[in-house]
């Protein structure tokens, strides 16, 4: 159960979605929606209302002197919607990095 969710995805786009109630996670390729919901419920002590799953295709890169093509692995992304009023602390934005 614990290996279903690999890590939270913290990007500018995912933080924008988190402000609207959708939280983004990288999940195992064989993960199902019910398993993702149970894992997020257990890890973060929240109530999941909806789960959307996307398969992200790996990019093709050229590497080395001969520019041989290598392909990154495909991976799965899950968008999780929580019950109103609930948040996950990992997605909270603090203003400390903006000060200069």
PDB file of N, CA and C in Angstrom:
ATOM      1  N   UNK A   1       0.822  -1.189   0.000  1.00  0.00           N
ATOM      2  CA  UNK A   1       0.000   0.000   0.000  1.00  0.00           C
ATOM      3  C   UNK A   1       0.864   1.250   0.000  1.00  0.00           C
ATOM      4  N   UNK A   2       1.919   1.272   0.747  1.00  0.00           N
ATOM      5  CA  UNK A   2       2.736   2.475   0.893  1.00  0.00           C
ATOM      6  C   UNK A   2       3.531   2.768  -0.372  1.00  0.00           C
ATOM      7  N   UNK A   3       3.763   1.756  -1.218  1.00  0.00           N
ATOM      8  CA  UNK A   3       4.565   1.940  -2.418  1.00  0.00           C
ATOM      9  C   UNK A   3       3.741   2.425  -3.605  1.00  0.00           C
ATOM     10  N   UNK A   4       2.451   2.656  -3.412  1.00  0.00           N
ATOM     11  CA  UNK A   4       1.606   3.135  -4.498  1.00  0.00           C
ATOM     12  C   UNK A   4       1.974   4.559  -4.878  1.00  0.00           C
ATOM     13  N   UNK A   5       2.089   5.438  -3.881  1.00  0.00           N
ATOM     14  CA  UNK A   5       2.447   6.834  -4.128  1.00  0.00           C
ATOM     15  C   UNK A   5       3.952   6.969  -3.959  1.00  0.00           C
ATOM     16  N   UNK A   6       4.639   7.402  -5.028  1.00  0.00           N
ATOM     17  CA  UNK A   6       6.087   7.518  -4.985  1.00  0.00           C
ATOM     18  C   UNK A   6       6.524   8.808  -4.303  1.00  0.00           C
ATOM     19  N   UNK A   7       5.982   9.950  -4.764  1.00  0.00           N
ATOM     20  CA  UNK A   7       6.365  11.247  -4.201  1.00  0.00           C
ATOM     21  C   UNK A   7       5.377  12.308  -4.655  1.00  0.00           C
ATOM     22  N   UNK A   8       5.264  13.405  -3.898  1.00  0.00           N
ATOM     23  CA  UNK A   8       4.464  14.530  -4.384  1.00  0.00           C
ATOM     24  C   UNK A   8       5.231  15.282  -5.462  1.00  0.00           C
ATOM     25  N   UNK A   9       4.531  15.786  -6.460  1.00  0.00           N
ATOM     26  CA  UNK A   9       5.151  16.567  -7.522  1.00  0.00           C
ATOM     27  C   UNK A   9       4.960  18.042  -7.204  1.00  0.00           C
ATOM     28  N   UNK A  10       6.060  18.725  -6.902  1.00  0.00           N
ATOM     29  CA  UNK A  10       6.014  20.134  -6.548  1.00  0.00           C
ATOM     30  C   UNK A  10       6.578  20.938  -7.714  1.00  0.00           C
ATOM     31  N   UNK A  11       5.702  21.500  -8.517  1.00  0.00           N
ATOM     32  CA  UNK A  11       6.083  22.363  -9.625  1.00  0.00           C
ATOM     33  C   UNK A  11       5.204  23.606  -9.555  1.00  0.00           C
ATOM     34  N   UNK A  12       5.493  24.574 -10.389  1.00  0.00           N
ATOM     35  CA  UNK A  12       4.674  25.779 -10.406  1.00  0.00           C
ATOM     36  C   UNK A  12       3.231  25.443 -10.789  1.00  0.00           C
ATOM     37  N   UNK A  13       3.062  24.565 -11.749  1.00  0.00           N
ATOM     38  CA  UNK A  13       1.731  24.177 -12.185  1.00  0.00           C
ATOM     39  C   UNK A  13       0.998  23.387 -11.102  1.00  0.00           C
ATOM     40  N   UNK A  14       1.689  22.474 -10.429  1.00  0.00           N
ATOM     41  CA  UNK A  14       1.032  21.671  -9.401  1.00  0.00           C
ATOM     42  C   UNK A  14       0.675  22.518  -8.180  1.00  0.00           C
ATOM     43  N   UNK A  15       1.477  23.529  -7.871  1.00  0.00           N
ATOM     44  CA  UNK A  15       1.128  24.428  -6.768  1.00  0.00           C
ATOM     45  C   UNK A  15      -0.093  25.267  -7.109  1.00  0.00           C
ATOM     46  N   UNK A  16      -0.229  25.647  -8.380  1.00  0.00           N
ATOM     47  CA  UNK A  16      -1.414  26.374  -8.820  1.00  0.00           C
ATOM     48  C   UNK A  16      -2.651  25.478  -8.704  1.00  0.00           C
ATOM     49  N   UNK A  17      -2.516  24.210  -9.095  1.00  0.00           N
ATOM     50  CA  UNK A  17      -3.628  23.265  -8.956  1.00  0.00           C
ATOM     51  C   UNK A  17      -3.954  22.993  -7.491  1.00  0.00           C
ATOM     52  N   UNK A  18      -2.932  22.975  -6.627  1.00  0.00           N
ATOM     53  CA  UNK A  18      -3.156  22.729  -5.205  1.00  0.00           C
ATOM     54  C   UNK A  18      -3.984  23.850  -4.586  1.00  0.00           C
ATOM     55  N   UNK A  19      -3.827  25.064  -5.077  1.00  0.00           N
ATOM     56  CA  UNK A  19      -4.639  26.166  -4.558  1.00  0.00           C
ATOM     57  C   UNK A  19      -6.110  25.991  -4.947  1.00  0.00           C
ATOM     58  N   UNK A  20      -6.379  25.183  -5.976  1.00  0.00           N
ATOM     59  CA  UNK A  20      -7.751  24.899  -6.404  1.00  0.00           C
ATOM     60  C   UNK A  20      -8.277  23.587  -5.827  1.00  0.00           C
ATOM     61  N   UNK A  21      -7.449  22.893  -5.025  1.00  0.00           N
ATOM     62  CA  UNK A  21      -7.902  21.675  -4.361  1.00  0.00           C
ATOM     63  C   UNK A  21      -7.424  20.378  -4.976  1.00  0.00           C
ATOM     64  N   UNK A  22      -6.620  20.414  -6.048  1.00  0.00           N
ATOM     65  CA  UNK A  22      -6.090  19.215  -6.698  1.00  0.00           C
ATOM     66  C   UNK A  22      -4.613  19.068  -6.357  1.00  0.00           C
ATOM     67  N   UNK A  23      -4.222  17.927  -5.810  1.00  0.00           N
ATOM     68  CA  UNK A  23      -2.851  17.669  -5.405  1.00  0.00           C
ATOM     69  C   UNK A  23      -2.246  16.616  -6.328  1.00  0.00           C
ATOM     70  N   UNK A  24      -0.985  16.823  -6.748  1.00  0.00           N
ATOM     71  CA  UNK A  24      -0.353  16.005  -7.777  1.00  0.00           C
ATOM     72  C   UNK A  24       0.710  15.090  -7.164  1.00  0.00           C
ATOM     73  N   UNK A  25       0.681  13.812  -7.556  1.00  0.00           N
ATOM     74  CA  UNK A  25       1.637  12.826  -7.054  1.00  0.00           C
ATOM     75  C   UNK A  25       2.154  11.971  -8.201  1.00  0.00           C
ATOM     76  N   UNK A  26       3.412  11.561  -8.107  1.00  0.00           N
ATOM     77  CA  UNK A  26       3.948  10.520  -8.975  1.00  0.00           C
ATOM     78  C   UNK A  26       3.605   9.197  -8.303  1.00  0.00           C
ATOM     79  N   UNK A  27       3.057   8.267  -9.068  1.00  0.00           N
ATOM     80  CA  UNK A  27       2.607   6.997  -8.489  1.00  0.00           C
ATOM     81  C   UNK A  27       3.227   5.840  -9.259  1.00  0.00           C
ATOM     82  N   UNK A  28       3.094   4.653  -8.703  1.00  0.00           N
ATOM     83  CA  UNK A  28       3.618   3.446  -9.346  1.00  0.00           C
ATOM     84  C   UNK A  28       2.861   3.185 -10.651  1.00  0.00           C
ATOM     85  N   UNK A  29       3.546   2.634 -11.662  1.00  0.00           N
ATOM     86  CA  UNK A  29       2.889   2.394 -12.953  1.00  0.00           C
ATOM     87  C   UNK A  29       1.690   1.446 -12.884  1.00  0.00           C
ATOM     88  N   UNK A  30       1.663   0.555 -11.904  1.00  0.00           N
ATOM     89  CA  UNK A  30       0.546  -0.385 -11.789  1.00  0.00           C
ATOM     90  C   UNK A  30      -0.494   0.065 -10.767  1.00  0.00           C
ATOM     91  N   UNK A  31      -0.419   1.305 -10.284  1.00  0.00           N
ATOM     92  CA  UNK A  31      -1.328   1.807  -9.261  1.00  0.00           C
ATOM     93  C   UNK A  31      -2.728   2.021  -9.842  1.00  0.00           C
ATOM     94  N   UNK A  32      -3.729   1.735  -9.021  1.00  0.00           N
ATOM     95  CA  UNK A  32      -5.131   1.949  -9.395  1.00  0.00           C
ATOM     96  C   UNK A  32      -5.692   3.098  -8.554  1.00  0.00           C
ATOM     97  N   UNK A  33      -6.802   3.664  -9.003  1.00  0.00           N
ATOM     98  CA  UNK A  33      -7.381   4.823  -8.331  1.00  0.00           C
ATOM     99  C   UNK A  33      -7.746   4.542  -6.869  1.00  0.00           C
ATOM    100  N   UNK A  34      -8.342   3.396  -6.592  1.00  0.00           N
ATOM    101  CA  UNK A  34      -8.732   3.079  -5.225  1.00  0.00           C
ATOM    102  C   UNK A  34      -7.509   2.956  -4.309  1.00  0.00           C
ATOM    103  N   UNK A  35      -6.449   2.343  -4.815  1.00  0.00           N
ATOM    104  CA  UNK A  35      -5.223   2.203  -4.032  1.00  0.00           C
ATOM    105  C   UNK A  35      -4.555   3.544  -3.776  1.00  0.00           C
ATOM    106  N   UNK A  36      -4.582   4.430  -4.773  1.00  0.00           N
ATOM    107  CA  UNK A  36      -4.014   5.760  -4.610  1.00  0.00           C
ATOM    108  C   UNK A  36      -4.786   6.524  -3.544  1.00  0.00           C
ATOM    109  N   UNK A  37      -6.106   6.454  -3.592  1.00  0.00           N
ATOM    110  CA  UNK A  37      -6.939   7.151  -2.612  1.00  0.00           C
ATOM    111  C   UNK A  37      -6.677   6.631  -1.199  1.00  0.00           C
ATOM    112  N   UNK A  38      -6.589   5.299  -1.036  1.00  0.00           N
ATOM    113  CA  UNK A  38      -6.314   4.724   0.290  1.00  0.00           C
ATOM    114  C   UNK A  38      -4.952   5.160   0.814  1.00  0.00           C
ATOM    115  N   UNK A  39      -3.944   5.186  -0.054  1.00  0.00           N
ATOM    116  CA  UNK A  39      -2.598   5.554   0.366  1.00  0.00           C
ATOM    117  C   UNK A  39      -2.528   7.016   0.789  1.00  0.00           C
ATOM    118  N   UNK A  40      -3.120   7.916   0.006  1.00  0.00           N
ATOM    119  CA  UNK A  40      -3.108   9.337   0.359  1.00  0.00           C
ATOM    120  C   UNK A  40      -3.891   9.569   1.646  1.00  0.00           C
ATOM    121  N   UNK A  41      -5.022   8.864   1.812  1.00  0.00           N
ATOM    122  CA  UNK A  41      -5.781   8.963   3.063  1.00  0.00           C
ATOM    123  C   UNK A  41      -4.922   8.574   4.261  1.00  0.00           C
ATOM    124  N   UNK A  42      -4.174   7.492   4.128  1.00  0.00           N
ATOM    125  CA  UNK A  42      -3.358   7.004   5.233  1.00  0.00           C
ATOM    126  C   UNK A  42      -2.131   7.853   5.510  1.00  0.00           C
ATOM    127  N   UNK A  43      -1.464   8.317   4.448  1.00  0.00           N
ATOM    128  CA  UNK A  43      -0.221   9.074   4.630  1.00  0.00           C
ATOM    129  C   UNK A  43      -0.457  10.478   5.188  1.00  0.00           C
ATOM    130  N   UNK A  44      -1.483  11.155   4.693  1.00  0.00           N
ATOM    131  CA  UNK A  44      -1.674  12.570   5.024  1.00  0.00           C
ATOM    132  C   UNK A  44      -2.888  12.827   5.914  1.00  0.00           C
ATOM    133  N   UNK A  45      -3.619  11.788   6.312  1.00  0.00           N
ATOM    134  CA  UNK A  45      -4.776  11.901   7.198  1.00  0.00           C
ATOM    135  C   UNK A  45      -5.806  12.885   6.638  1.00  0.00           C
ATOM    136  N   UNK A  46      -6.200  12.657   5.385  1.00  0.00           N
ATOM    137  CA  UNK A  46      -7.190  13.488   4.696  1.00  0.00           C
ATOM    138  C   UNK A  46      -8.245  12.582   4.063  1.00  0.00           C
ATOM    139  N   UNK A  47      -9.298  13.181   3.529  1.00  0.00           N
ATOM    140  CA  UNK A  47     -10.352  12.428   2.845  1.00  0.00           C
ATOM    141  C   UNK A  47     -10.307  12.746   1.361  1.00  0.00           C
ATOM    142  N   UNK A  48     -10.013  11.730   0.546  1.00  0.00           N
ATOM    143  CA  UNK A  48      -9.922  11.903  -0.905  1.00  0.00           C
ATOM    144  C   UNK A  48     -11.318  11.758  -1.506  1.00  0.00           C
ATOM    145  N   UNK A  49     -11.697  12.717  -2.365  1.00  0.00           N
ATOM    146  CA  UNK A  49     -12.996  12.651  -3.020  1.00  0.00           C
ATOM    147  C   UNK A  49     -12.902  12.146  -4.451  1.00  0.00           C
ATOM    148  N   UNK A  50     -11.822  12.487  -5.163  1.00  0.00           N
ATOM    149  CA  UNK A  50     -11.700  12.083  -6.561  1.00  0.00           C
ATOM    150  C   UNK A  50     -10.237  11.862  -6.902  1.00  0.00           C
ATOM    151  N   UNK A  51      -9.997  10.966  -7.854  1.00  0.00           N
ATOM    152  CA  UNK A  51      -8.643  10.687  -8.333  1.00  0.00           C
ATOM    153  C   UNK A  51      -8.676  10.665  -9.858  1.00  0.00           C
ATOM    154  N   UNK A  52      -7.758  11.390 -10.473  1.00  0.00           N
ATOM    155  CA  UNK A  52      -7.566  11.341 -11.918  1.00  0.00           C
ATOM    156  C   UNK A  52      -6.158  10.829 -12.167  1.00  0.00           C
ATOM    157  N   UNK A  53      -5.995   9.975 -13.183  1.00  0.00           N
ATOM    158  CA  UNK A  53      -4.706   9.336 -13.445  1.00  0.00           C
ATOM    159  C   UNK A  53      -4.284   9.637 -14.875  1.00  0.00           C
ATOM    160  N   UNK A  54      -2.998   9.996 -15.057  1.00  0.00           N
ATOM    161  CA  UNK A  54      -2.438  10.259 -16.374  1.00  0.00           C
ATOM    162  C   UNK A  54      -1.187   9.414 -16.551  1.00  0.00           C
ATOM    163  N   UNK A  55      -0.985   8.886 -17.747  1.00  0.00           N
ATOM    164  CA  UNK A  55       0.260   8.189 -18.063  1.00  0.00           C
ATOM    165  C   UNK A  55       1.142   9.169 -18.815  1.00  0.00           C
ATOM    166  N   UNK A  56       2.301   9.447 -18.243  1.00  0.00           N
ATOM    167  CA  UNK A  56       3.245  10.389 -18.831  1.00  0.00           C
ATOM    168  C   UNK A  56       4.275   9.587 -19.619  1.00  0.00           C
ATOM    169  N   UNK A  57       4.404   9.872 -20.896  1.00  0.00           N
ATOM    170  CA  UNK A  57       5.320   9.131 -21.740  1.00  0.00           C
ATOM    171  C   UNK A  57       6.733   9.677 -21.586  1.00  0.00           C
ATOM    172  N   UNK A  58       7.707   8.765 -21.541  1.00  0.00           N
ATOM    173  CA  UNK A  58       9.098   9.158 -21.370  1.00  0.00           C
ATOM    174  C   UNK A  58       9.633   9.893 -22.586  1.00  0.00           C
ATOM    175  N   UNK A  59      10.516  10.838 -22.329  1.00  0.00           N
ATOM    176  CA  UNK A  59      11.091  11.633 -23.409  1.00  0.00           C
ATOM    177  C   UNK A  59      12.230  10.884 -24.092  1.00  0.00           C
ATOM    178  N   UNK A  60      12.428  11.168 -25.364  1.00  0.00           N
ATOM    179  CA  UNK A  60      13.549  10.613 -26.108  1.00  0.00           C
ATOM    180  C   UNK A  60      14.665  11.648 -26.093  1.00  0.00           C
ATOM    181  N   UNK A  61      15.847  11.229 -25.702  1.00  0.00           N
ATOM    182  CA  UNK A  61      16.995  12.127 -25.595  1.00  0.00           C
ATOM    183  C   UNK A  61      18.139  11.599 -26.440  1.00  0.00           C
ATOM    184  N   UNK A  62      18.952  12.521 -26.925  1.00  0.00           N
ATOM    185  CA  UNK A  62      20.181  12.149 -27.623  1.00  0.00           C
ATOM    186  C   UNK A  62      21.337  12.353 -26.649  1.00  0.00           C
ATOM    187  N   UNK A  63      22.191  11.347 -26.500  1.00  0.00           N
ATOM    188  CA  UNK A  63      23.284  11.473 -25.545  1.00  0.00           C
ATOM    189  C   UNK A  63      24.555  10.875 -26.118  1.00  0.00           C
ATOM    190  N   UNK A  64      25.671  11.330 -25.614  1.00  0.00           N
ATOM    191  CA  UNK A  64      26.966  10.813 -26.033  1.00  0.00           C
ATOM    192  C   UNK A  64      27.508  11.495 -27.267  1.00  0.00           C
ATOM    193  N   UNK A  65      28.734  11.111 -27.613  1.00  0.00           N
ATOM    194  CA  UNK A  65      29.413  11.714 -28.763  1.00  0.00           C
ATOM    195  C   UNK A  65      28.700  11.382 -30.074  1.00  0.00           C
ATOM    196  N   UNK A  66      28.181  10.180 -30.165  1.00  0.00           N
ATOM    197  CA  UNK A  66      27.486   9.771 -31.396  1.00  0.00           C
ATOM    198  C   UNK A  66      26.002  10.137 -31.383  1.00  0.00           C
ATOM    199  N   UNK A  67      25.555  10.807 -30.318  1.00  0.00           N
ATOM    200  CA  UNK A  67      24.174  11.258 -30.183  1.00  0.00           C
ATOM    201  C   UNK A  67      23.176  10.114 -30.319  1.00  0.00           C
ATOM    202  N   UNK A  68      23.472   9.014 -29.634  1.00  0.00           N
ATOM    203  CA  UNK A  68      22.567   7.874 -29.668  1.00  0.00           C
ATOM    204  C   UNK A  68      21.280   8.221 -28.925  1.00  0.00           C
ATOM    205  N   UNK A  69      20.173   7.709 -29.407  1.00  0.00           N
ATOM    206  CA  UNK A  69      18.865   7.996 -28.828  1.00  0.00           C
ATOM    207  C   UNK A  69      18.622   7.088 -27.624  1.00  0.00           C
ATOM    208  N   UNK A  70      18.236   7.673 -26.513  1.00  0.00           N
ATOM    209  CA  UNK A  70      17.835   6.924 -25.334  1.00  0.00           C
ATOM    210  C   UNK A  70      16.463   7.423 -24.917  1.00  0.00           C
ATOM    211  N   UNK A  71      15.660   6.522 -24.377  1.00  0.00           N
ATOM    212  CA  UNK A  71      14.299   6.877 -23.985  1.00  0.00           C
ATOM    213  C   UNK A  71      14.149   6.726 -22.482  1.00  0.00           C
ATOM    214  N   UNK A  72      13.593   7.744 -21.855  1.00  0.00           N
ATOM    215  CA  UNK A  72      13.292   7.655 -20.434  1.00  0.00           C
ATOM    216  C   UNK A  72      12.057   6.785 -20.237  1.00  0.00           C
ATOM    217  N   UNK A  73      11.915   6.248 -19.049  1.00  0.00           N
ATOM    218  CA  UNK A  73      10.799   5.355 -18.754  1.00  0.00           C
ATOM    219  C   UNK A  73       9.486   6.136 -18.724  1.00  0.00           C
ATOM    220  N   UNK A  74       8.387   5.461 -19.096  1.00  0.00           N
ATOM    221  CA  UNK A  74       7.061   6.027 -18.914  1.00  0.00           C
ATOM    222  C   UNK A  74       6.741   6.010 -17.418  1.00  0.00           C
ATOM    223  N   UNK A  75       5.934   6.964 -16.953  1.00  0.00           N
ATOM    224  CA  UNK A  75       5.554   7.009 -15.550  1.00  0.00           C
ATOM    225  C   UNK A  75       4.114   7.478 -15.431  1.00  0.00           C
ATOM    226  N   UNK A  76       3.564   7.329 -14.241  1.00  0.00           N
ATOM    227  CA  UNK A  76       2.158   7.639 -14.028  1.00  0.00           C
ATOM    228  C   UNK A  76       2.029   8.777 -13.016  1.00  0.00           C
ATOM    229  N   UNK A  77       1.098   9.692 -13.321  1.00  0.00           N
ATOM    230  CA  UNK A  77       0.833  10.846 -12.461  1.00  0.00           C
ATOM    231  C   UNK A  77      -0.614  10.782 -12.003  1.00  0.00           C
ATOM    232  N   UNK A  78      -0.867  11.134 -10.740  1.00  0.00           N
ATOM    233  CA  UNK A  78      -2.220  11.126 -10.198  1.00  0.00           C
ATOM    234  C   UNK A  78      -2.565  12.501  -9.659  1.00  0.00           C
ATOM    235  N   UNK A  79      -3.756  12.976  -9.991  1.00  0.00           N
ATOM    236  CA  UNK A  79      -4.298  14.208  -9.426  1.00  0.00           C
ATOM    237  C   UNK A  79      -5.365  13.803  -8.420  1.00  0.00           C
ATOM    238  N   UNK A  80      -5.238  14.289  -7.189  1.00  0.00           N
ATOM    239  CA  UNK A  80      -6.119  13.881  -6.103  1.00  0.00           C
ATOM    240  C   UNK A  80      -6.864  15.103  -5.595  1.00  0.00           C
ATOM    241  N   UNK A  81      -8.189  14.999  -5.512  1.00  0.00           N
ATOM    242  CA  UNK A  81      -9.016  16.083  -4.968  1.00  0.00           C
ATOM    243  C   UNK A  81      -9.433  15.709  -3.558  1.00  0.00           C
ATOM    244  N   UNK A  82      -9.247  16.663  -2.629  1.00  0.00           N
ATOM    245  CA  UNK A  82      -9.580  16.425  -1.234  1.00  0.00           C
ATOM    246  C   UNK A  82     -10.930  17.034  -0.890  1.00  0.00           C
ATOM    247  N   UNK A  83     -11.452  16.613   0.259  1.00  0.00           N
ATOM    248  CA  UNK A  83     -12.686  17.181   0.778  1.00  0.00           C
ATOM    249  C   UNK A  83     -12.460  18.668   1.057  1.00  0.00           C
ATOM    250  N   UNK A  84     -13.494  19.476   0.923  1.00  0.00           N
ATOM    251  CA  UNK A  84     -13.374  20.928   1.120  1.00  0.00           C
ATOM    252  C   UNK A  84     -12.805  21.256   2.495  1.00  0.00           C
ATOM    253  N   UNK A  85     -11.865  22.196   2.515  1.00  0.00           N
ATOM    254  CA  UNK A  85     -11.255  22.644   3.764  1.00  0.00           C
ATOM    255  C   UNK A  85     -10.017  21.869   4.175  1.00  0.00           C
ATOM    256  N   UNK A  86      -9.678  20.782   3.473  1.00  0.00           N
ATOM    257  CA  UNK A  86      -8.502  19.994   3.821  1.00  0.00           C
ATOM    258  C   UNK A  86      -7.342  20.349   2.900  1.00  0.00           C
ATOM    259  N   UNK A  87      -6.121  20.309   3.447  1.00  0.00           N
ATOM    260  CA  UNK A  87      -4.922  20.604   2.664  1.00  0.00           C
ATOM    261  C   UNK A  87      -3.833  19.607   3.010  1.00  0.00           C
ATOM    262  N   UNK A  88      -2.807  19.568   2.168  1.00  0.00           N
ATOM    263  CA  UNK A  88      -1.606  18.771   2.421  1.00  0.00           C
ATOM    264  C   UNK A  88      -0.459  19.761   2.592  1.00  0.00           C
ATOM    265  N   UNK A  89       0.260  19.655   3.705  1.00  0.00           N
ATOM    266  CA  UNK A  89       1.290  20.633   4.050  1.00  0.00           C
ATOM    267  C   UNK A  89       2.424  20.700   3.042  1.00  0.00           C
ATOM    268  N   UNK A  90       2.733  19.618   2.349  1.00  0.00           N
ATOM    269  CA  UNK A  90       3.849  19.609   1.392  1.00  0.00           C
ATOM    270  C   UNK A  90       3.615  20.595   0.251  1.00  0.00           C
ATOM    271  N   UNK A  91       2.363  20.941  -0.018  1.00  0.00           N
ATOM    272  CA  UNK A  91       2.036  21.823  -1.141  1.00  0.00           C
ATOM    273  C   UNK A  91       1.818  23.271  -0.716  1.00  0.00           C
ATOM    274  N   UNK A  92       2.040  23.585   0.558  1.00  0.00           N
ATOM    275  CA  UNK A  92       1.855  24.958   1.038  1.00  0.00           C
ATOM    276  C   UNK A  92       3.031  25.815   0.615  1.00  0.00           C
ATOM    277  N   UNK A  93       2.754  27.017   0.139  1.00  0.00           N
ATOM    278  CA  UNK A  93       3.783  27.936  -0.337  1.00  0.00           C
ATOM    279  C   UNK A  93       4.105  28.917   0.777  1.00  0.00           C
ATOM    280  N   UNK A  94       5.405  29.063   1.056  1.00  0.00           N
ATOM    281  CA  UNK A  94       5.849  30.085   2.000  1.00  0.00           C
ATOM    282  C   UNK A  94       6.573  31.166   1.237  1.00  0.00           C
ATOM    283  N   UNK A  95       6.546  32.387   1.731  1.00  0.00           N
ATOM    284  CA  UNK A  95       7.148  33.507   1.036  1.00  0.00           C
ATOM    285  C   UNK A  95       8.617  33.712   1.363  1.00  0.00           C
ATOM    286  N   UNK A  96       9.293  32.759   1.990  1.00  0.00           N
ATOM    287  CA  UNK A  96      10.677  32.937   2.416  1.00  0.00           C
ATOM    288  C   UNK A  96      11.646  33.011   1.248  1.00  0.00           C
ATOM    289  N   UNK A  97      11.399  32.308   0.153  1.00  0.00           N
ATOM    290  CA  UNK A  97      12.315  32.282  -0.976  1.00  0.00           C
ATOM    291  C   UNK A  97      12.267  33.551  -1.811  1.00  0.00           C
ATOM    292  N   UNK A  98      11.248  34.370  -1.657  1.00  0.00           N
ATOM    293  CA  UNK A  98      11.064  35.552  -2.475  1.00  0.00           C
ATOM    294  C   UNK A  98      11.874  36.748  -1.959  1.00  0.00           C
ATOM    295  N   UNK A  99      12.287  36.761  -0.716  1.00  0.00           N
ATOM    296  CA  UNK A  99      12.968  37.922  -0.124  1.00  0.00           C
ATOM    297  C   UNK A  99      14.395  38.058  -0.653  1.00  0.00           C
ATOM    298  N   UNK A 100      14.760  39.288  -1.017  1.00  0.00           N
ATOM    299  CA  UNK A 100      16.147  39.534  -1.471  1.00  0.00           C
ATOM    300  C   UNK A 100      16.595  40.876  -1.001  1.00  0.00           C
TER     301      UNK A 100
END
